[in-house]
């Protein structure tokens, strides 16, 4: 959870538990969307604070391809950190 690993997209060191958020930023994917305005967020706490502060409602927005892509990139980044990029590429 706390050990940094290298992002395959930008080479930045990111802690494992933060990989999904990091990848979502690369993809410009904000899965939390306000149903009352144009506010979008990746972080649940920021989103809930917005809803509370502005008395807005959440909108259920699911983008299955982007969700899959985040999970796939997460798994690839972790595997590359553990076994190396060459091993990852050979497994594809």
C-alpha atoms as a PDB file:
ATOM      1  CA  UNK A   1       0.000   0.000   0.000  1.00  0.00           C
ATOM      2  CA  UNK A   2       2.622   2.613   0.954  1.00  0.00           C
ATOM      3  CA  UNK A   3       5.526   1.626  -1.279  1.00  0.00           C
ATOM      4  CA  UNK A   4       5.909   3.785  -4.384  1.00  0.00           C
ATOM      5  CA  UNK A   5       5.925   2.165  -7.815  1.00  0.00           C
ATOM      6  CA  UNK A   6       6.570   3.730 -11.185  1.00  0.00           C
ATOM      7  CA  UNK A   7       3.647   4.748 -13.403  1.00  0.00           C
ATOM      8  CA  UNK A   8       4.033   3.235 -16.876  1.00  0.00           C
ATOM      9  CA  UNK A   9       2.431   6.310 -18.450  1.00  0.00           C
ATOM     10  CA  UNK A  10       4.558   9.102 -16.948  1.00  0.00           C
ATOM     11  CA  UNK A  11       7.331   7.427 -14.892  1.00  0.00           C
ATOM     12  CA  UNK A  12       6.162   9.211 -11.731  1.00  0.00           C
ATOM     13  CA  UNK A  13       6.522   7.297  -8.453  1.00  0.00           C
ATOM     14  CA  UNK A  14       3.053   6.646  -7.034  1.00  0.00           C
ATOM     15  CA  UNK A  15       2.029   4.667  -3.956  1.00  0.00           C
ATOM     16  CA  UNK A  16       0.115   1.496  -4.852  1.00  0.00           C
ATOM     17  CA  UNK A  17      -3.081   2.586  -3.122  1.00  0.00           C
ATOM     18  CA  UNK A  18      -3.076   5.772  -5.237  1.00  0.00           C
ATOM     19  CA  UNK A  19      -2.637   4.145  -8.653  1.00  0.00           C
ATOM     20  CA  UNK A  20      -6.341   4.205  -9.595  1.00  0.00           C
ATOM     21  CA  UNK A  21      -6.666   7.921  -8.860  1.00  0.00           C
ATOM     22  CA  UNK A  22      -3.419   8.612 -10.702  1.00  0.00           C
ATOM     23  CA  UNK A  23      -4.583   6.690 -13.790  1.00  0.00           C
ATOM     24  CA  UNK A  24      -7.989   8.407 -13.685  1.00  0.00           C
ATOM     25  CA  UNK A  25      -6.188  11.763 -13.875  1.00  0.00           C
ATOM     26  CA  UNK A  26      -4.242  10.587 -16.936  1.00  0.00           C
ATOM     27  CA  UNK A  27      -7.502   9.537 -18.586  1.00  0.00           C
ATOM     28  CA  UNK A  28      -9.292  12.702 -17.455  1.00  0.00           C
ATOM     29  CA  UNK A  29     -11.903  10.342 -16.058  1.00  0.00           C
ATOM     30  CA  UNK A  30     -13.968  11.792 -13.225  1.00  0.00           C
ATOM     31  CA  UNK A  31     -16.392   9.056 -12.151  1.00  0.00           C
ATOM     32  CA  UNK A  32     -18.169  11.274  -9.613  1.00  0.00           C
ATOM     33  CA  UNK A  33     -20.436  13.818 -11.275  1.00  0.00           C
ATOM     34  CA  UNK A  34     -22.820  16.328  -9.758  1.00  0.00           C
ATOM     35  CA  UNK A  35     -26.391  16.118 -11.024  1.00  0.00           C
ATOM     36  CA  UNK A  36     -27.008  19.800 -10.282  1.00  0.00           C
ATOM     37  CA  UNK A  37     -23.976  21.460 -11.922  1.00  0.00           C
ATOM     38  CA  UNK A  38     -20.839  20.663 -13.920  1.00  0.00           C
ATOM     39  CA  UNK A  39     -18.714  19.676 -10.894  1.00  0.00           C
ATOM     40  CA  UNK A  40     -16.756  16.431 -11.327  1.00  0.00           C
ATOM     41  CA  UNK A  41     -14.369  14.650  -8.994  1.00  0.00           C
ATOM     42  CA  UNK A  42     -12.162  11.620  -8.615  1.00  0.00           C
ATOM     43  CA  UNK A  43     -11.921  11.892  -4.833  1.00  0.00           C
ATOM     44  CA  UNK A  44     -15.070  10.816  -2.962  1.00  0.00           C
ATOM     45  CA  UNK A  45     -14.436  13.146  -0.007  1.00  0.00           C
ATOM     46  CA  UNK A  46     -14.123  16.185  -2.301  1.00  0.00           C
ATOM     47  CA  UNK A  47     -17.290  15.162  -4.103  1.00  0.00           C
ATOM     48  CA  UNK A  48     -19.304  14.666  -0.923  1.00  0.00           C
ATOM     49  CA  UNK A  49     -18.074  18.022   0.385  1.00  0.00           C
ATOM     50  CA  UNK A  50     -19.296  19.706  -2.806  1.00  0.00           C
ATOM     51  CA  UNK A  51     -22.714  18.056  -2.512  1.00  0.00           C
ATOM     52  CA  UNK A  52     -22.993  19.125   1.130  1.00  0.00           C
ATOM     53  CA  UNK A  53     -21.703  22.694   0.666  1.00  0.00           C
ATOM     54  CA  UNK A  54     -23.898  23.460  -2.339  1.00  0.00           C
ATOM     55  CA  UNK A  55     -26.889  21.234  -1.436  1.00  0.00           C
ATOM     56  CA  UNK A  56     -26.551  19.442  -4.767  1.00  0.00           C
ATOM     57  CA  UNK A  57     -27.500  15.912  -5.835  1.00  0.00           C
ATOM     58  CA  UNK A  58     -25.253  13.149  -7.126  1.00  0.00           C
ATOM     59  CA  UNK A  59     -25.667  11.794 -10.649  1.00  0.00           C
ATOM     60  CA  UNK A  60     -25.015   8.119 -11.316  1.00  0.00           C
ATOM     61  CA  UNK A  61     -22.593   8.024 -14.229  1.00  0.00           C
ATOM     62  CA  UNK A  62     -20.827   4.826 -15.171  1.00  0.00           C
ATOM     63  CA  UNK A  63     -18.387   4.581 -18.046  1.00  0.00           C
ATOM     64  CA  UNK A  64     -17.673   0.838 -18.259  1.00  0.00           C
ATOM     65  CA  UNK A  65     -14.781   1.115 -20.716  1.00  0.00           C
ATOM     66  CA  UNK A  66     -12.938   3.684 -18.605  1.00  0.00           C
ATOM     67  CA  UNK A  67     -13.576   1.634 -15.453  1.00  0.00           C
ATOM     68  CA  UNK A  68     -12.088  -1.410 -17.198  1.00  0.00           C
ATOM     69  CA  UNK A  69      -9.159   0.644 -18.476  1.00  0.00           C
ATOM     70  CA  UNK A  70      -8.370   1.964 -14.971  1.00  0.00           C
ATOM     71  CA  UNK A  71      -8.427  -1.598 -13.558  1.00  0.00           C
ATOM     72  CA  UNK A  72      -6.281  -2.933 -16.419  1.00  0.00           C
ATOM     73  CA  UNK A  73      -3.684  -0.174 -16.133  1.00  0.00           C
ATOM     74  CA  UNK A  74      -3.623  -0.624 -12.349  1.00  0.00           C
ATOM     75  CA  UNK A  75      -2.895  -4.331 -12.751  1.00  0.00           C
ATOM     76  CA  UNK A  76      -0.258  -3.695 -15.447  1.00  0.00           C
ATOM     77  CA  UNK A  77       1.549  -1.050 -13.377  1.00  0.00           C
ATOM     78  CA  UNK A  78       1.652  -3.327 -10.333  1.00  0.00           C
ATOM     79  CA  UNK A  79       2.819  -6.300 -12.421  1.00  0.00           C
ATOM     80  CA  UNK A  80       5.533  -4.222 -14.128  1.00  0.00           C
ATOM     81  CA  UNK A  81       6.755  -3.010 -10.737  1.00  0.00           C
ATOM     82  CA  UNK A  82       6.866  -6.560  -9.414  1.00  0.00           C
ATOM     83  CA  UNK A  83       8.255  -8.469 -12.423  1.00  0.00           C
ATOM     84  CA  UNK A  84       9.519  -5.857 -14.896  1.00  0.00           C
ATOM     85  CA  UNK A  85       8.070  -4.337 -18.046  1.00  0.00           C
ATOM     86  CA  UNK A  86       9.512  -7.034 -20.326  1.00  0.00           C
ATOM     87  CA  UNK A  87       7.721  -9.761 -18.353  1.00  0.00           C
ATOM     88  CA  UNK A  88       4.509  -7.745 -18.471  1.00  0.00           C
ATOM     89  CA  UNK A  89       4.761  -7.335 -22.245  1.00  0.00           C
ATOM     90  CA  UNK A  90       5.510 -11.028 -22.796  1.00  0.00           C
ATOM     91  CA  UNK A  91       2.351 -11.904 -20.862  1.00  0.00           C
ATOM     92  CA  UNK A  92       0.167  -9.815 -23.183  1.00  0.00           C
END
